[in-house]
Amino acid sequence: MLLSLLLACGGGGLVGQAESAADAACACADAACAKEAVAAFNKVSFKADAEKKAFSPEQKAAFDSAVDRMSSCRDALMK
């Protein structure tokens, strides 16, 4: 629920949303929570191809870093 609210607010554009989603996934205590955080972000990200194509190199690096962190936190809880 909190993640949905964070993503809806759109603070910082897609990069900010990725960072918020990574924070949410990494704050989870179980795999189900982390999977939900990743799934909620993916719904937003998959619709934002034009924004991703317009990223500066710095934005792309920040986005990729947040997505990697989000995935790592989810994967760690799935073990």
C-alpha atoms as a PDB file:
ATOM      1  CA  MET A   1       0.000   0.000   0.000  1.00  0.00           C
ATOM      2  CA  LEU A   2       2.763   2.422   0.965  1.00  0.00           C
ATOM      3  CA  LEU A   3       4.657   1.644  -2.221  1.00  0.00           C
ATOM      4  CA  SER A   4       1.555   2.306  -4.319  1.00  0.00           C
ATOM      5  CA  LEU A   5       1.222   5.691  -2.658  1.00  0.00           C
ATOM      6  CA  LEU A   6       4.901   6.497  -3.240  1.00  0.00           C
ATOM      7  CA  LEU A   7       4.701   5.506  -6.903  1.00  0.00           C
ATOM      8  CA  ALA A   8       1.496   7.455  -7.430  1.00  0.00           C
ATOM      9  CA  CYS A   9       3.113  10.625  -6.115  1.00  0.00           C
ATOM     10  CA  GLY A  10       5.805  10.374  -8.776  1.00  0.00           C
ATOM     11  CA  GLY A  11       8.451  12.259  -6.818  1.00  0.00           C
ATOM     12  CA  GLY A  12      11.661  12.476  -8.824  1.00  0.00           C
ATOM     13  CA  GLY A  13      10.164  10.958 -11.943  1.00  0.00           C
ATOM     14  CA  LEU A  14      10.903   7.367 -12.839  1.00  0.00           C
ATOM     15  CA  VAL A  15      14.336   7.435 -11.198  1.00  0.00           C
ATOM     16  CA  GLY A  16      12.812   8.623  -7.930  1.00  0.00           C
ATOM     17  CA  GLN A  17      10.120   5.978  -8.204  1.00  0.00           C
ATOM     18  CA  ALA A  18      12.756   3.288  -8.760  1.00  0.00           C
ATOM     19  CA  GLU A  19      14.673   4.478  -5.711  1.00  0.00           C
ATOM     20  CA  SER A  20      11.480   4.502  -3.606  1.00  0.00           C
ATOM     21  CA  ALA A  21      10.584   1.016  -4.809  1.00  0.00           C
ATOM     22  CA  ALA A  22      14.087  -0.235  -3.992  1.00  0.00           C
ATOM     23  CA  ASP A  23      13.819   1.283  -0.514  1.00  0.00           C
ATOM     24  CA  ALA A  24      10.448  -0.425  -0.060  1.00  0.00           C
ATOM     25  CA  ALA A  25      11.682  -3.817  -1.280  1.00  0.00           C
ATOM     26  CA  CYS A  26      14.761  -3.607   0.920  1.00  0.00           C
ATOM     27  CA  ALA A  27      12.647  -2.714   3.964  1.00  0.00           C
ATOM     28  CA  CYS A  28      10.574  -5.885   3.560  1.00  0.00           C
ATOM     29  CA  ALA A  29      10.883  -8.692   6.074  1.00  0.00           C
ATOM     30  CA  ASP A  30       9.634 -11.422   3.740  1.00  0.00           C
ATOM     31  CA  ALA A  31       9.725 -12.429   0.091  1.00  0.00           C
ATOM     32  CA  ALA A  32       6.020 -11.783  -0.517  1.00  0.00           C
ATOM     33  CA  CYS A  33       6.401  -8.146   0.497  1.00  0.00           C
ATOM     34  CA  ALA A  34       9.481  -7.679  -1.690  1.00  0.00           C
ATOM     35  CA  LYS A  35       7.801  -9.371  -4.665  1.00  0.00           C
ATOM     36  CA  GLU A  36       4.847  -7.013  -4.269  1.00  0.00           C
ATOM     37  CA  ALA A  37       7.149  -3.982  -4.226  1.00  0.00           C
ATOM     38  CA  VAL A  38       8.932  -5.135  -7.386  1.00  0.00           C
ATOM     39  CA  ALA A  39       5.661  -5.988  -9.158  1.00  0.00           C
ATOM     40  CA  ALA A  40       4.162  -2.589  -8.331  1.00  0.00           C
ATOM     41  CA  PHE A  41       7.228  -0.818  -9.701  1.00  0.00           C
ATOM     42  CA  ASN A  42       7.278  -2.983 -12.832  1.00  0.00           C
ATOM     43  CA  LYS A  43       3.723  -1.897 -13.663  1.00  0.00           C
ATOM     44  CA  VAL A  44       4.920   1.712 -13.686  1.00  0.00           C
ATOM     45  CA  SER A  45       8.253   1.048 -15.373  1.00  0.00           C
ATOM     46  CA  PHE A  46       6.870  -1.010 -18.255  1.00  0.00           C
ATOM     47  CA  LYS A  47       4.647   1.926 -19.255  1.00  0.00           C
ATOM     48  CA  ALA A  48       7.503   4.435 -19.206  1.00  0.00           C
ATOM     49  CA  ASP A  49       9.595   3.447 -22.223  1.00  0.00           C
ATOM     50  CA  ALA A  50       9.652   6.982 -23.620  1.00  0.00           C
ATOM     51  CA  GLU A  51      10.905   8.378 -20.321  1.00  0.00           C
ATOM     52  CA  LYS A  52      13.591   5.681 -20.060  1.00  0.00           C
ATOM     53  CA  LYS A  53      14.775   6.391 -23.619  1.00  0.00           C
ATOM     54  CA  ALA A  54      15.191  10.075 -22.714  1.00  0.00           C
ATOM     55  CA  PHE A  55      17.374   9.387 -19.643  1.00  0.00           C
ATOM     56  CA  SER A  56      20.685  11.160 -19.386  1.00  0.00           C
ATOM     57  CA  PRO A  57      23.649   8.861 -18.659  1.00  0.00           C
ATOM     58  CA  GLU A  58      23.431   9.868 -14.989  1.00  0.00           C
ATOM     59  CA  GLN A  59      19.708   9.101 -14.816  1.00  0.00           C
ATOM     60  CA  LYS A  60      20.233   5.735 -16.500  1.00  0.00           C
ATOM     61  CA  ALA A  61      22.967   4.841 -14.018  1.00  0.00           C
ATOM     62  CA  ALA A  62      20.801   5.851 -11.042  1.00  0.00           C
ATOM     63  CA  PHE A  63      17.800   3.959 -12.434  1.00  0.00           C
ATOM     64  CA  ASP A  64      19.833   0.822 -13.130  1.00  0.00           C
ATOM     65  CA  SER A  65      21.397   0.988  -9.663  1.00  0.00           C
ATOM     66  CA  ALA A  66      17.989   1.250  -7.982  1.00  0.00           C
ATOM     67  CA  VAL A  67      16.574  -1.629 -10.041  1.00  0.00           C
ATOM     68  CA  ASP A  68      19.611  -3.787  -9.228  1.00  0.00           C
ATOM     69  CA  ARG A  69      19.276  -2.989  -5.513  1.00  0.00           C
ATOM     70  CA  MET A  70      15.543  -3.747  -5.603  1.00  0.00           C
ATOM     71  CA  SER A  71      16.165  -7.103  -7.285  1.00  0.00           C
ATOM     72  CA  SER A  72      18.986  -7.991  -4.896  1.00  0.00           C
ATOM     73  CA  CYS A  73      16.817  -7.329  -1.850  1.00  0.00           C
ATOM     74  CA  ARG A  74      13.973  -9.396  -3.298  1.00  0.00           C
ATOM     75  CA  ASP A  75      16.298 -12.230  -4.273  1.00  0.00           C
ATOM     76  CA  ALA A  76      17.923 -12.322  -0.821  1.00  0.00           C
ATOM     77  CA  LEU A  77      14.517 -12.826   0.798  1.00  0.00           C
ATOM     78  CA  MET A  78      13.610 -15.617  -1.619  1.00  0.00           C
ATOM     79  CA  LYS A  79      16.500 -17.862  -0.492  1.00  0.00           C
END
